[in-house]
């Protein structure tokens, strides 16, 4: 189980780095709110997971196969069971959050990402914070998402550019409301 978790964590880290390289965005780029849309900034992609056949007997690996096959309801049930049986492991919480987010259960997704963020470090923690902030925005809890966006923006990490864009959108939105 520990080997499967280590493989999954390594895969998540490499995917996040690949996504950063694919976008070629740097946190120092100026943000123009005129060309930003909330749909573009808050659009999320499903983080891919590869599970080896040898690890397919592990409960986490089986749950991630459901997730990989876009069977989010079944994946969420399986990942919740894994998270309960291994409460100190961040990966089940993270993928449970993604599954819940894709099911539209934004409150529960935010809670799963919060737990993943508490347990994780490095790129997985940053990913959990980003997805948590998006879930909070989708749940109409923008005020709760703002500190996450600000922290990610200041971090210079994997989600810094998008977090800075989100913060700029929220600032522009707040200014628009105050002018009315």
N, C-alpha and C. Protein backbone atom coordinates (compact mmCIF):
# COMPACT_ATOMS: atom_id res chain seq x y z
N UNK A 1 0.84 -1.19 0.00
CA UNK A 1 0.00 0.00 0.00
C UNK A 1 0.88 1.25 0.00
N UNK A 2 1.95 1.21 0.77
CA UNK A 2 2.85 2.36 0.83
C UNK A 2 3.53 2.57 -0.52
N UNK A 3 3.91 1.49 -1.18
CA UNK A 3 4.54 1.59 -2.49
C UNK A 3 3.55 2.19 -3.50
N UNK A 4 2.29 1.73 -3.45
CA UNK A 4 1.27 2.27 -4.36
C UNK A 4 1.07 3.76 -4.10
N UNK A 5 1.04 4.15 -2.84
CA UNK A 5 0.86 5.56 -2.51
C UNK A 5 2.04 6.39 -3.01
N UNK A 6 3.25 5.86 -2.86
CA UNK A 6 4.44 6.58 -3.33
C UNK A 6 4.42 6.72 -4.85
N UNK A 7 4.01 5.66 -5.55
CA UNK A 7 3.91 5.73 -7.00
C UNK A 7 2.87 6.76 -7.44
N UNK A 8 1.76 6.78 -6.76
CA UNK A 8 0.69 7.71 -7.10
C UNK A 8 1.15 9.14 -6.85
N UNK A 9 1.81 9.38 -5.71
CA UNK A 9 2.29 10.72 -5.41
C UNK A 9 3.30 11.18 -6.45
N UNK A 10 4.21 10.29 -6.86
CA UNK A 10 5.20 10.64 -7.88
C UNK A 10 4.52 10.97 -9.20
N UNK A 11 3.47 10.21 -9.53
CA UNK A 11 2.73 10.47 -10.76
C UNK A 11 2.04 11.82 -10.71
N UNK A 12 1.42 12.13 -9.58
CA UNK A 12 0.73 13.42 -9.43
C UNK A 12 1.74 14.56 -9.58
N UNK A 13 2.87 14.43 -8.94
CA UNK A 13 3.89 15.49 -9.02
C UNK A 13 4.36 15.67 -10.46
N UNK A 14 4.60 14.58 -11.18
CA UNK A 14 5.06 14.71 -12.56
C UNK A 14 3.99 15.30 -13.46
N UNK A 15 2.73 14.96 -13.23
CA UNK A 15 1.64 15.53 -14.03
C UNK A 15 1.52 17.03 -13.79
N UNK A 16 1.65 17.44 -12.54
CA UNK A 16 1.55 18.87 -12.23
C UNK A 16 2.69 19.63 -12.89
N UNK A 17 3.90 19.09 -12.84
CA UNK A 17 5.04 19.73 -13.49
C UNK A 17 4.81 19.78 -15.00
N UNK A 18 4.30 18.69 -15.58
CA UNK A 18 4.02 18.66 -17.00
C UNK A 18 3.00 19.73 -17.38
N UNK A 19 1.95 19.88 -16.58
CA UNK A 19 0.92 20.88 -16.86
C UNK A 19 1.51 22.29 -16.79
N UNK A 20 2.41 22.52 -15.84
CA UNK A 20 3.04 23.83 -15.73
C UNK A 20 3.89 24.11 -16.97
N UNK A 21 4.65 23.12 -17.40
CA UNK A 21 5.47 23.29 -18.59
C UNK A 21 4.60 23.49 -19.82
N UNK A 22 3.47 22.79 -19.88
CA UNK A 22 2.58 22.89 -21.05
C UNK A 22 1.98 24.28 -21.18
N UNK A 23 1.70 24.92 -20.06
CA UNK A 23 1.08 26.24 -20.14
C UNK A 23 2.11 27.35 -20.31
N UNK A 24 3.34 27.12 -19.90
CA UNK A 24 4.40 28.11 -20.01
C UNK A 24 4.01 29.46 -19.43
N UNK A 25 3.33 29.43 -18.30
CA UNK A 25 2.93 30.67 -17.63
C UNK A 25 3.86 30.92 -16.47
N UNK A 26 4.19 32.16 -16.23
CA UNK A 26 5.00 32.48 -15.06
C UNK A 26 4.20 33.40 -14.16
N UNK A 27 4.38 33.31 -12.83
CA UNK A 27 3.62 34.14 -11.92
C UNK A 27 3.93 35.63 -12.09
N UNK A 28 5.03 35.97 -12.74
CA UNK A 28 5.39 37.37 -12.89
C UNK A 28 4.67 38.04 -14.05
N UNK A 29 3.95 37.26 -14.87
CA UNK A 29 3.25 37.86 -15.99
C UNK A 29 2.18 38.82 -15.50
N UNK A 30 2.02 39.96 -16.18
CA UNK A 30 0.97 40.90 -15.77
C UNK A 30 -0.40 40.29 -16.03
N UNK A 31 -1.34 40.63 -15.17
CA UNK A 31 -2.69 40.11 -15.27
C UNK A 31 -3.58 41.19 -15.83
N UNK A 32 -4.24 40.90 -16.91
CA UNK A 32 -5.19 41.84 -17.50
C UNK A 32 -6.59 41.30 -17.26
N UNK A 33 -7.33 41.94 -16.37
CA UNK A 33 -8.67 41.45 -16.06
C UNK A 33 -9.62 41.63 -17.23
N UNK A 34 -9.28 42.50 -18.17
CA UNK A 34 -10.16 42.71 -19.32
C UNK A 34 -10.27 41.46 -20.17
N UNK A 35 -9.22 40.66 -20.22
CA UNK A 35 -9.28 39.47 -21.06
C UNK A 35 -9.52 38.19 -20.27
N UNK A 36 -9.67 38.30 -18.97
CA UNK A 36 -9.92 37.13 -18.15
C UNK A 36 -11.41 36.88 -18.04
N UNK A 37 -11.77 35.64 -18.00
CA UNK A 37 -13.14 35.29 -17.70
C UNK A 37 -13.12 34.28 -16.56
N UNK A 38 -14.14 34.30 -15.76
CA UNK A 38 -14.21 33.36 -14.65
C UNK A 38 -14.19 31.92 -15.16
N UNK A 39 -14.85 31.67 -16.26
CA UNK A 39 -14.87 30.31 -16.81
C UNK A 39 -13.47 29.82 -17.14
N UNK A 40 -12.63 30.70 -17.68
CA UNK A 40 -11.28 30.30 -18.03
C UNK A 40 -10.41 30.11 -16.79
N UNK A 41 -10.52 31.01 -15.83
CA UNK A 41 -9.67 30.94 -14.64
C UNK A 41 -10.06 29.76 -13.76
N UNK A 42 -11.35 29.53 -13.59
CA UNK A 42 -11.81 28.50 -12.65
C UNK A 42 -12.09 27.16 -13.31
N UNK A 43 -11.74 27.03 -14.57
CA UNK A 43 -11.92 25.77 -15.27
C UNK A 43 -10.92 24.76 -14.70
N UNK A 44 -11.38 23.58 -14.39
CA UNK A 44 -10.48 22.57 -13.83
C UNK A 44 -10.43 21.35 -14.75
N UNK A 45 -9.27 20.77 -14.78
CA UNK A 45 -9.06 19.54 -15.51
C UNK A 45 -8.89 18.43 -14.50
N UNK A 46 -9.28 17.25 -14.88
CA UNK A 46 -9.12 16.10 -14.00
C UNK A 46 -7.65 15.71 -13.96
N UNK A 47 -7.05 15.72 -12.77
CA UNK A 47 -5.66 15.26 -12.69
C UNK A 47 -5.59 13.77 -13.04
N UNK A 48 -4.80 13.40 -14.04
CA UNK A 48 -4.73 11.98 -14.41
C UNK A 48 -3.95 11.17 -13.38
N UNK A 49 -4.30 9.91 -13.30
CA UNK A 49 -3.61 8.98 -12.40
C UNK A 49 -3.35 7.69 -13.17
N UNK A 50 -2.18 7.16 -13.03
CA UNK A 50 -1.84 5.86 -13.63
C UNK A 50 -1.60 4.88 -12.49
N UNK A 51 -2.27 3.76 -12.55
CA UNK A 51 -2.11 2.73 -11.53
C UNK A 51 -1.60 1.48 -12.22
N UNK A 52 -0.50 0.95 -11.71
CA UNK A 52 0.07 -0.23 -12.33
C UNK A 52 -0.81 -1.46 -12.05
N UNK A 53 -0.74 -2.43 -12.95
CA UNK A 53 -1.51 -3.66 -12.79
C UNK A 53 -1.12 -4.37 -11.51
N UNK A 54 0.14 -4.34 -11.15
CA UNK A 54 0.61 -5.02 -9.94
C UNK A 54 -0.01 -4.42 -8.69
N UNK A 55 -0.31 -3.13 -8.73
CA UNK A 55 -0.88 -2.48 -7.56
C UNK A 55 -2.41 -2.52 -7.56
N UNK A 56 -3.01 -3.16 -8.56
CA UNK A 56 -4.46 -3.10 -8.71
C UNK A 56 -5.22 -3.82 -7.59
N UNK A 57 -4.54 -4.56 -6.73
CA UNK A 57 -5.22 -5.24 -5.63
C UNK A 57 -5.42 -4.31 -4.43
N UNK A 58 -4.68 -3.24 -4.36
CA UNK A 58 -4.79 -2.32 -3.24
C UNK A 58 -6.09 -1.53 -3.35
N UNK A 59 -6.77 -1.28 -2.21
CA UNK A 59 -8.03 -0.52 -2.26
C UNK A 59 -7.89 0.86 -2.92
N UNK A 60 -6.80 1.56 -2.66
CA UNK A 60 -6.62 2.86 -3.29
C UNK A 60 -6.48 2.72 -4.80
N UNK A 61 -5.72 1.74 -5.24
CA UNK A 61 -5.53 1.54 -6.67
C UNK A 61 -6.87 1.21 -7.35
N UNK A 62 -7.68 0.36 -6.71
CA UNK A 62 -8.99 0.03 -7.29
C UNK A 62 -9.87 1.28 -7.37
N UNK A 63 -9.85 2.09 -6.34
CA UNK A 63 -10.65 3.33 -6.33
C UNK A 63 -10.16 4.28 -7.43
N UNK A 64 -8.85 4.35 -7.62
CA UNK A 64 -8.30 5.24 -8.63
C UNK A 64 -8.57 4.73 -10.05
N UNK A 65 -8.76 3.43 -10.21
CA UNK A 65 -9.16 2.92 -11.52
C UNK A 65 -10.56 3.41 -11.86
N UNK A 66 -11.46 3.43 -10.88
CA UNK A 66 -12.80 3.98 -11.10
C UNK A 66 -12.71 5.46 -11.46
N UNK A 67 -11.88 6.17 -10.74
CA UNK A 67 -11.65 7.60 -11.00
C UNK A 67 -11.11 7.81 -12.40
N UNK A 68 -10.11 7.04 -12.75
CA UNK A 68 -9.49 7.15 -14.08
C UNK A 68 -10.51 6.93 -15.19
N UNK A 69 -11.47 6.04 -14.93
CA UNK A 69 -12.50 5.72 -15.92
C UNK A 69 -13.69 6.67 -15.86
N UNK A 70 -13.53 7.79 -15.15
CA UNK A 70 -14.58 8.81 -15.03
C UNK A 70 -15.85 8.30 -14.35
N UNK A 71 -15.72 7.31 -13.53
CA UNK A 71 -16.87 6.78 -12.76
C UNK A 71 -16.82 7.44 -11.38
N UNK A 72 -17.11 8.74 -11.37
CA UNK A 72 -16.89 9.57 -10.19
C UNK A 72 -17.73 9.16 -8.99
N UNK A 73 -18.96 8.77 -9.19
CA UNK A 73 -19.80 8.37 -8.06
C UNK A 73 -19.23 7.13 -7.37
N UNK A 74 -18.90 6.11 -8.16
CA UNK A 74 -18.29 4.89 -7.60
C UNK A 74 -16.91 5.19 -7.03
N UNK A 75 -16.15 6.04 -7.71
CA UNK A 75 -14.83 6.41 -7.21
C UNK A 75 -14.94 7.13 -5.88
N UNK A 76 -15.91 8.05 -5.77
CA UNK A 76 -16.08 8.80 -4.53
C UNK A 76 -16.41 7.85 -3.37
N UNK A 77 -17.26 6.88 -3.62
CA UNK A 77 -17.60 5.91 -2.57
C UNK A 77 -16.37 5.10 -2.16
N UNK A 78 -15.63 4.62 -3.15
CA UNK A 78 -14.44 3.82 -2.86
C UNK A 78 -13.35 4.66 -2.19
N UNK A 79 -13.15 5.88 -2.66
CA UNK A 79 -12.13 6.74 -2.08
C UNK A 79 -12.49 7.17 -0.67
N UNK A 80 -13.78 7.37 -0.39
CA UNK A 80 -14.22 7.71 0.97
C UNK A 80 -13.89 6.56 1.92
N UNK A 81 -14.10 5.34 1.46
CA UNK A 81 -13.77 4.17 2.30
C UNK A 81 -12.26 4.09 2.55
N UNK A 82 -11.47 4.34 1.52
CA UNK A 82 -10.01 4.31 1.68
C UNK A 82 -9.57 5.43 2.62
N UNK A 83 -10.16 6.62 2.45
CA UNK A 83 -9.79 7.75 3.31
C UNK A 83 -10.12 7.45 4.77
N UNK A 84 -11.25 6.79 5.01
CA UNK A 84 -11.60 6.43 6.39
C UNK A 84 -10.65 5.39 6.96
N UNK A 85 -10.20 4.46 6.13
CA UNK A 85 -9.31 3.41 6.63
C UNK A 85 -7.85 3.86 6.70
N UNK A 86 -7.50 4.91 5.97
CA UNK A 86 -6.14 5.45 5.99
C UNK A 86 -6.23 6.97 6.14
N UNK A 87 -6.70 7.45 7.29
CA UNK A 87 -6.99 8.88 7.43
C UNK A 87 -5.76 9.79 7.32
N UNK A 88 -4.56 9.26 7.44
CA UNK A 88 -3.37 10.07 7.37
C UNK A 88 -2.75 10.14 5.98
N UNK A 89 -3.38 9.53 5.01
CA UNK A 89 -2.85 9.49 3.65
C UNK A 89 -3.55 10.57 2.81
N UNK A 90 -2.80 11.51 2.19
CA UNK A 90 -3.45 12.61 1.48
C UNK A 90 -4.09 12.25 0.15
N UNK A 91 -3.56 11.26 -0.56
CA UNK A 91 -4.05 10.95 -1.91
C UNK A 91 -5.53 10.59 -1.96
N UNK A 92 -6.03 9.72 -1.07
CA UNK A 92 -7.47 9.42 -1.16
C UNK A 92 -8.32 10.66 -0.95
N UNK A 93 -7.91 11.53 -0.06
CA UNK A 93 -8.65 12.77 0.18
C UNK A 93 -8.64 13.67 -1.05
N UNK A 94 -7.49 13.77 -1.71
CA UNK A 94 -7.38 14.62 -2.88
C UNK A 94 -8.28 14.11 -4.01
N UNK A 95 -8.16 12.83 -4.35
CA UNK A 95 -8.96 12.29 -5.45
C UNK A 95 -10.44 12.19 -5.09
N UNK A 96 -10.74 12.04 -3.81
CA UNK A 96 -12.13 12.11 -3.36
C UNK A 96 -12.66 13.52 -3.63
N UNK A 97 -11.85 14.52 -3.35
CA UNK A 97 -12.24 15.90 -3.62
C UNK A 97 -12.49 16.14 -5.10
N UNK A 98 -11.61 15.64 -5.95
CA UNK A 98 -11.79 15.82 -7.40
C UNK A 98 -13.07 15.13 -7.85
N UNK A 99 -13.29 13.91 -7.37
CA UNK A 99 -14.50 13.18 -7.75
C UNK A 99 -15.74 13.94 -7.32
N UNK A 100 -15.73 14.44 -6.09
CA UNK A 100 -16.88 15.22 -5.61
C UNK A 100 -17.06 16.51 -6.40
N UNK A 101 -15.96 17.15 -6.78
CA UNK A 101 -16.04 18.37 -7.57
C UNK A 101 -16.70 18.08 -8.93
N UNK A 102 -16.31 16.98 -9.55
CA UNK A 102 -16.90 16.63 -10.84
C UNK A 102 -18.34 16.14 -10.70
N UNK A 103 -18.75 15.76 -9.50
CA UNK A 103 -20.15 15.40 -9.25
C UNK A 103 -20.98 16.62 -8.89
N UNK A 104 -20.32 17.77 -8.71
CA UNK A 104 -21.03 19.00 -8.36
C UNK A 104 -21.28 19.15 -6.87
N UNK A 105 -20.67 18.31 -6.06
CA UNK A 105 -20.81 18.39 -4.60
C UNK A 105 -19.66 19.25 -4.06
N UNK A 106 -19.79 20.56 -4.28
CA UNK A 106 -18.68 21.49 -4.03
C UNK A 106 -18.32 21.61 -2.56
N UNK A 107 -19.30 21.62 -1.66
CA UNK A 107 -19.02 21.72 -0.22
C UNK A 107 -18.19 20.53 0.24
N UNK A 108 -18.64 19.33 -0.13
CA UNK A 108 -17.92 18.12 0.27
C UNK A 108 -16.54 18.07 -0.39
N UNK A 109 -16.46 18.54 -1.63
CA UNK A 109 -15.16 18.58 -2.32
C UNK A 109 -14.19 19.49 -1.57
N UNK A 110 -14.66 20.66 -1.18
CA UNK A 110 -13.81 21.60 -0.45
C UNK A 110 -13.30 20.98 0.85
N UNK A 111 -14.17 20.26 1.55
CA UNK A 111 -13.76 19.61 2.79
C UNK A 111 -12.70 18.54 2.53
N UNK A 112 -12.86 17.77 1.47
CA UNK A 112 -11.87 16.74 1.12
C UNK A 112 -10.53 17.36 0.77
N UNK A 113 -10.57 18.44 -0.01
CA UNK A 113 -9.32 19.13 -0.37
C UNK A 113 -8.65 19.74 0.86
N UNK A 114 -9.44 20.25 1.79
CA UNK A 114 -8.86 20.82 3.01
C UNK A 114 -8.08 19.75 3.77
N UNK A 115 -8.67 18.55 3.87
CA UNK A 115 -7.99 17.45 4.57
C UNK A 115 -6.72 17.03 3.81
N UNK A 116 -6.82 16.95 2.48
CA UNK A 116 -5.65 16.59 1.68
C UNK A 116 -4.53 17.61 1.87
N UNK A 117 -4.90 18.88 1.88
CA UNK A 117 -3.91 19.94 2.05
C UNK A 117 -3.22 19.86 3.41
N UNK A 118 -3.98 19.52 4.44
CA UNK A 118 -3.40 19.37 5.79
C UNK A 118 -2.36 18.25 5.82
N UNK A 119 -2.61 17.19 5.07
CA UNK A 119 -1.77 15.99 5.12
C UNK A 119 -0.62 16.02 4.12
N UNK A 120 -0.79 16.75 3.03
CA UNK A 120 0.18 16.71 1.93
C UNK A 120 1.25 17.78 2.09
N UNK A 121 2.22 17.69 1.23
CA UNK A 121 3.25 18.73 1.13
C UNK A 121 3.58 18.92 -0.34
N UNK A 122 4.31 19.97 -0.63
CA UNK A 122 4.77 20.20 -1.99
C UNK A 122 3.65 20.41 -2.98
N UNK A 123 3.82 19.84 -4.16
CA UNK A 123 2.88 20.07 -5.26
C UNK A 123 1.50 19.50 -4.98
N UNK A 124 1.40 18.41 -4.23
CA UNK A 124 0.08 17.86 -3.92
C UNK A 124 -0.68 18.82 -3.00
N UNK A 125 -0.01 19.43 -2.06
CA UNK A 125 -0.66 20.41 -1.18
C UNK A 125 -1.11 21.63 -1.98
N UNK A 126 -0.28 22.09 -2.91
CA UNK A 126 -0.67 23.22 -3.75
C UNK A 126 -1.86 22.86 -4.63
N UNK A 127 -1.86 21.67 -5.18
CA UNK A 127 -3.00 21.23 -6.00
C UNK A 127 -4.26 21.17 -5.16
N UNK A 128 -4.16 20.64 -3.95
CA UNK A 128 -5.32 20.56 -3.06
C UNK A 128 -5.84 21.95 -2.73
N UNK A 129 -4.94 22.90 -2.49
CA UNK A 129 -5.37 24.27 -2.20
C UNK A 129 -6.05 24.91 -3.40
N UNK A 130 -5.51 24.70 -4.60
CA UNK A 130 -6.12 25.27 -5.80
C UNK A 130 -7.53 24.72 -6.01
N UNK A 131 -7.64 23.40 -5.99
CA UNK A 131 -8.95 22.78 -6.22
C UNK A 131 -9.93 23.13 -5.09
N UNK A 132 -9.43 23.27 -3.88
CA UNK A 132 -10.30 23.69 -2.77
C UNK A 132 -10.84 25.10 -3.02
N UNK A 133 -9.98 26.00 -3.46
CA UNK A 133 -10.41 27.37 -3.74
C UNK A 133 -11.47 27.38 -4.84
N UNK A 134 -11.26 26.59 -5.87
CA UNK A 134 -12.26 26.51 -6.96
C UNK A 134 -13.57 25.96 -6.43
N UNK A 135 -13.51 24.91 -5.61
CA UNK A 135 -14.73 24.34 -5.03
C UNK A 135 -15.46 25.37 -4.17
N UNK A 136 -14.70 26.15 -3.41
CA UNK A 136 -15.32 27.19 -2.58
C UNK A 136 -16.00 28.26 -3.43
N UNK A 137 -15.36 28.67 -4.52
CA UNK A 137 -15.97 29.64 -5.43
C UNK A 137 -17.26 29.07 -6.00
N UNK A 138 -17.21 27.81 -6.42
CA UNK A 138 -18.41 27.17 -6.98
C UNK A 138 -19.51 27.01 -5.94
N UNK A 139 -19.13 26.97 -4.67
CA UNK A 139 -20.11 26.87 -3.59
C UNK A 139 -20.52 28.25 -3.09
N UNK A 140 -20.16 29.29 -3.83
CA UNK A 140 -20.49 30.68 -3.48
C UNK A 140 -19.88 31.10 -2.15
N UNK A 141 -18.69 30.62 -1.85
CA UNK A 141 -17.95 31.00 -0.66
C UNK A 141 -16.64 31.68 -1.07
N UNK A 142 -16.79 32.74 -1.84
CA UNK A 142 -15.64 33.44 -2.41
C UNK A 142 -14.73 33.98 -1.32
N UNK A 143 -15.31 34.52 -0.25
CA UNK A 143 -14.49 35.07 0.84
C UNK A 143 -13.57 34.01 1.44
N UNK A 144 -14.04 32.78 1.52
CA UNK A 144 -13.21 31.70 2.06
C UNK A 144 -12.12 31.29 1.07
N UNK A 145 -12.36 31.50 -0.22
CA UNK A 145 -11.38 31.13 -1.24
C UNK A 145 -10.28 32.17 -1.39
N UNK A 146 -10.58 33.42 -1.10
CA UNK A 146 -9.62 34.50 -1.34
C UNK A 146 -8.26 34.29 -0.66
N UNK A 147 -8.20 33.88 0.62
CA UNK A 147 -6.87 33.67 1.22
C UNK A 147 -6.08 32.56 0.53
N UNK A 148 -6.78 31.55 0.02
CA UNK A 148 -6.10 30.48 -0.71
C UNK A 148 -5.50 31.02 -2.00
N UNK A 149 -6.29 31.81 -2.74
CA UNK A 149 -5.79 32.41 -3.97
C UNK A 149 -4.59 33.30 -3.68
N UNK A 150 -4.67 34.10 -2.63
CA UNK A 150 -3.57 35.01 -2.30
C UNK A 150 -2.31 34.24 -1.93
N UNK A 151 -2.46 33.18 -1.13
CA UNK A 151 -1.31 32.38 -0.73
C UNK A 151 -0.68 31.69 -1.94
N UNK A 152 -1.52 31.12 -2.81
CA UNK A 152 -1.00 30.45 -4.01
C UNK A 152 -0.34 31.45 -4.96
N UNK A 153 -0.94 32.63 -5.09
CA UNK A 153 -0.38 33.68 -5.94
C UNK A 153 1.01 34.08 -5.45
N UNK A 154 1.15 34.26 -4.16
CA UNK A 154 2.43 34.68 -3.57
C UNK A 154 3.47 33.57 -3.56
N UNK A 155 3.02 32.32 -3.70
CA UNK A 155 3.94 31.19 -3.58
C UNK A 155 4.91 31.04 -4.74
N UNK A 156 4.52 31.55 -5.91
CA UNK A 156 5.36 31.33 -7.08
C UNK A 156 5.34 29.89 -7.54
N UNK A 157 4.42 29.11 -7.03
CA UNK A 157 4.35 27.69 -7.34
C UNK A 157 3.52 27.38 -8.57
N UNK A 158 3.08 26.15 -8.61
CA UNK A 158 2.41 25.59 -9.78
C UNK A 158 1.13 26.31 -10.19
N UNK A 159 0.40 26.82 -9.25
CA UNK A 159 -0.88 27.46 -9.53
C UNK A 159 -0.82 28.97 -9.34
N UNK A 160 0.37 29.53 -9.23
CA UNK A 160 0.52 30.95 -8.91
C UNK A 160 -0.15 31.84 -9.94
N UNK A 161 0.07 31.58 -11.21
CA UNK A 161 -0.50 32.45 -12.24
C UNK A 161 -2.01 32.43 -12.20
N UNK A 162 -2.59 31.25 -12.15
CA UNK A 162 -4.05 31.15 -12.13
C UNK A 162 -4.61 31.75 -10.85
N UNK A 163 -3.91 31.57 -9.74
CA UNK A 163 -4.38 32.14 -8.47
C UNK A 163 -4.31 33.67 -8.52
N UNK A 164 -3.27 34.21 -9.12
CA UNK A 164 -3.18 35.67 -9.27
C UNK A 164 -4.30 36.19 -10.17
N UNK A 165 -4.59 35.44 -11.23
CA UNK A 165 -5.70 35.81 -12.10
C UNK A 165 -7.02 35.77 -11.35
N UNK A 166 -7.22 34.74 -10.54
CA UNK A 166 -8.45 34.62 -9.75
C UNK A 166 -8.56 35.77 -8.77
N UNK A 167 -7.45 36.11 -8.12
CA UNK A 167 -7.47 37.23 -7.17
C UNK A 167 -7.79 38.54 -7.90
N UNK A 168 -7.23 38.71 -9.11
CA UNK A 168 -7.52 39.92 -9.89
C UNK A 168 -8.98 39.97 -10.29
N UNK A 169 -9.54 38.82 -10.67
CA UNK A 169 -10.97 38.78 -11.01
C UNK A 169 -11.83 39.16 -9.82
N UNK A 170 -11.48 38.62 -8.66
CA UNK A 170 -12.27 38.90 -7.46
C UNK A 170 -12.15 40.37 -7.08
N UNK A 171 -10.95 40.95 -7.24
CA UNK A 171 -10.77 42.37 -6.93
C UNK A 171 -11.59 43.23 -7.89
N UNK A 172 -11.54 42.89 -9.17
CA UNK A 172 -12.32 43.64 -10.17
C UNK A 172 -13.82 43.49 -9.90
N UNK A 173 -14.23 42.31 -9.53
CA UNK A 173 -15.65 42.05 -9.23
C UNK A 173 -16.08 42.86 -8.01
N UNK A 174 -15.25 42.89 -6.98
CA UNK A 174 -15.57 43.65 -5.76
C UNK A 174 -15.65 45.14 -6.07
N UNK A 175 -14.71 45.65 -6.91
CA UNK A 175 -14.75 47.06 -7.29
C UNK A 175 -16.02 47.38 -8.05
N UNK A 176 -16.43 46.48 -8.91
CA UNK A 176 -17.65 46.68 -9.69
C UNK A 176 -18.88 46.76 -8.80
N UNK A 177 -18.92 45.94 -7.73
CA UNK A 177 -20.04 45.98 -6.80
C UNK A 177 -20.03 47.24 -5.93
N UNK A 178 -18.83 47.74 -5.60
CA UNK A 178 -18.77 48.91 -4.74
C UNK A 178 -19.12 50.19 -5.49
N UNK A 179 -19.05 50.16 -6.83
CA UNK A 179 -19.36 51.35 -7.62
C UNK A 179 -20.86 51.50 -7.87
N UNK A 180 -21.63 50.50 -7.56
CA UNK A 180 -23.07 50.54 -7.83
C UNK A 180 -23.80 51.35 -6.83
